[in-house]
């Protein structure tokens, strides 16, 4: 199974093919503490879910055109609506939703607004390369 290092390597391969800008591409952040904002909470991007052994189990897209104050908060909106919820027993903390009970770490890569169109392509590329077990594409 794949881990954060495989994810970073495959992302590097993607950017070698598709990143032609005069700035450095974004980087993955993981090892979230389950109590602060999720990595790249204020950007659109791609997120990755890892189990207790550090194995990659799912890759998802957190893209939102948003509006007003929460423009481009795609990663946090997606995670809060589908993956995590507030911990009812601990103020200011989060826990995985029932479906994602085995998730122990969340990583994300966030894109600036002008580059966020690449997030959907990166998601598809990583799913094809790494075949996370909980992505429906890899179950076929």
Protein backbone atom coordinates (compact mmCIF):
# COMPACT_ATOMS: atom_id res chain seq x y z
CA UNK A 1 0.00 0.00 0.00
CA UNK A 2 1.03 3.61 -0.56
CA UNK A 3 1.93 6.23 2.04
CA UNK A 4 2.68 9.97 2.17
CA UNK A 5 6.04 9.46 0.46
CA UNK A 6 4.41 7.76 -2.54
CA UNK A 7 1.87 10.56 -2.65
CA UNK A 8 4.57 13.24 -2.67
CA UNK A 9 6.54 11.38 -5.36
CA UNK A 10 3.51 10.99 -7.63
CA UNK A 11 2.58 14.65 -7.09
CA UNK A 12 6.11 15.63 -8.09
CA UNK A 13 5.73 13.57 -11.29
CA UNK A 14 2.43 15.35 -12.02
CA UNK A 15 3.98 18.78 -11.55
CA UNK A 16 6.94 17.84 -13.76
CA UNK A 17 4.41 17.28 -16.55
CA UNK A 18 1.93 20.07 -15.87
CA UNK A 19 3.42 22.91 -13.79
CA UNK A 20 4.82 25.57 -16.11
CA UNK A 21 4.51 28.61 -13.89
CA UNK A 22 7.28 30.89 -12.67
CA UNK A 23 6.61 29.95 -9.06
CA UNK A 24 7.10 26.81 -7.02
CA UNK A 25 4.24 24.29 -6.99
CA UNK A 26 2.32 23.75 -3.74
CA UNK A 27 3.39 21.08 -1.25
CA UNK A 28 1.53 18.49 0.78
CA UNK A 29 0.85 19.09 4.48
CA UNK A 30 -0.11 16.21 6.74
CA UNK A 31 0.07 15.14 10.40
CA UNK A 32 -3.00 17.24 11.25
CA UNK A 33 -3.65 17.55 15.00
CA UNK A 34 -7.47 17.14 14.74
CA UNK A 35 -8.05 20.40 16.60
CA UNK A 36 -6.87 23.27 14.45
CA UNK A 37 -7.92 24.19 10.93
CA UNK A 38 -7.42 21.40 8.40
CA UNK A 39 -4.37 21.76 6.13
CA UNK A 40 -5.04 24.38 3.43
CA UNK A 41 -8.46 25.06 4.95
CA UNK A 42 -8.67 28.31 3.00
CA UNK A 43 -7.86 26.94 -0.45
CA UNK A 44 -9.19 24.62 -3.07
CA UNK A 45 -7.13 21.49 -3.57
CA UNK A 46 -6.78 17.79 -3.05
CA UNK A 47 -6.93 15.93 0.25
CA UNK A 48 -5.67 12.48 1.24
CA UNK A 49 -6.84 10.20 4.04
CA UNK A 50 -4.47 7.82 5.84
CA UNK A 51 -5.14 4.91 8.21
CA UNK A 52 -3.40 4.11 11.52
CA UNK A 53 -0.49 2.50 9.67
CA UNK A 54 0.06 5.60 7.54
CA UNK A 55 -1.34 3.95 4.42
CA UNK A 56 -3.21 6.03 1.90
CA UNK A 57 -6.88 4.99 1.81
CA UNK A 58 -8.59 7.77 -0.14
CA UNK A 59 -7.91 10.81 -2.33
CA UNK A 60 -10.55 13.51 -2.79
CA UNK A 61 -11.09 16.90 -4.36
CA UNK A 62 -11.90 19.92 -2.26
CA UNK A 63 -12.80 22.57 -4.82
CA UNK A 64 -15.24 25.39 -4.38
CA UNK A 65 -15.73 28.64 -6.17
CA UNK A 66 -17.22 29.87 -2.92
CA UNK A 67 -18.26 33.44 -2.42
CA UNK A 68 -17.58 36.33 -0.13
CA UNK A 69 -15.66 35.53 3.01
CA UNK A 70 -15.30 31.79 2.29
CA UNK A 71 -14.21 31.95 -1.33
CA UNK A 72 -11.98 28.97 -2.14
CA UNK A 73 -12.39 27.16 1.18
CA UNK A 74 -12.93 23.95 -0.80
CA UNK A 75 -10.70 21.63 1.22
CA UNK A 76 -12.25 22.51 4.59
CA UNK A 77 -15.81 22.53 3.23
CA UNK A 78 -15.42 19.11 1.67
CA UNK A 79 -13.78 17.55 4.71
CA UNK A 80 -16.36 19.02 7.10
CA UNK A 81 -19.29 17.87 5.02
CA UNK A 82 -18.08 14.35 4.21
CA UNK A 83 -15.11 13.20 6.30
CA UNK A 84 -14.88 14.87 9.71
CA UNK A 85 -17.23 16.33 12.30
CA UNK A 86 -16.89 18.20 15.58
CA UNK A 87 -16.07 15.94 18.50
CA UNK A 88 -19.07 16.10 20.86
CA UNK A 89 -16.84 15.17 23.81
CA UNK A 90 -13.98 17.62 23.27
CA UNK A 91 -14.49 21.28 22.45
CA UNK A 92 -12.52 22.52 19.46
CA UNK A 93 -11.61 19.03 18.23
CA UNK A 94 -12.72 16.88 15.34
CA UNK A 95 -13.27 13.16 14.77
CA UNK A 96 -13.79 11.15 11.60
CA UNK A 97 -17.35 10.43 10.50
CA UNK A 98 -18.48 6.80 10.85
CA UNK A 99 -17.60 5.83 7.26
CA UNK A 100 -14.06 7.13 7.82
CA UNK A 101 -13.51 5.66 11.30
CA UNK A 102 -10.15 4.14 10.30
CA UNK A 103 -8.72 7.52 9.25
CA UNK A 104 -5.94 8.71 11.55
CA UNK A 105 -4.34 11.44 9.43
CA UNK A 106 -5.43 13.89 6.78
CA UNK A 107 -3.13 15.53 4.30
CA UNK A 108 -3.88 18.22 1.75
CA UNK A 109 -2.33 20.24 -1.01
CA UNK A 110 -3.81 23.66 -1.63
CA UNK A 111 -3.72 25.78 -4.76
CA UNK A 112 -3.85 29.53 -5.18
CA UNK A 113 -7.07 30.65 -6.83
CA UNK A 114 -5.50 31.19 -10.28
CA UNK A 115 -3.99 27.69 -10.28
CA UNK A 116 -6.86 25.80 -8.63
CA UNK A 117 -8.09 24.35 -11.94
CA UNK A 118 -5.16 21.91 -11.67
CA UNK A 119 -6.58 20.33 -8.50
CA UNK A 120 -9.14 18.20 -10.36
CA UNK A 121 -6.45 16.92 -12.72
CA UNK A 122 -4.11 16.14 -9.84
CA UNK A 123 -6.86 14.19 -8.06
CA UNK A 124 -7.53 12.01 -11.12
CA UNK A 125 -3.81 11.51 -11.74
CA UNK A 126 -3.11 10.43 -8.15
CA UNK A 127 -6.08 8.04 -8.05
CA UNK A 128 -4.90 6.39 -11.26
CA UNK A 129 -1.29 6.15 -10.08
CA UNK A 130 -1.82 5.14 -6.45
CA UNK A 131 -5.20 3.34 -6.55
CA UNK A 132 -6.34 4.08 -2.99
CA UNK A 133 -8.62 1.27 -1.80
CA UNK A 134 -11.60 3.49 -0.92
CA UNK A 135 -11.71 5.38 -4.22
CA UNK A 136 -14.40 3.85 -6.40
CA UNK A 137 -12.25 4.16 -9.54
CA UNK A 138 -9.73 1.73 -8.08
CA UNK A 139 -12.43 -0.81 -7.10
CA UNK A 140 -13.23 -1.65 -10.73
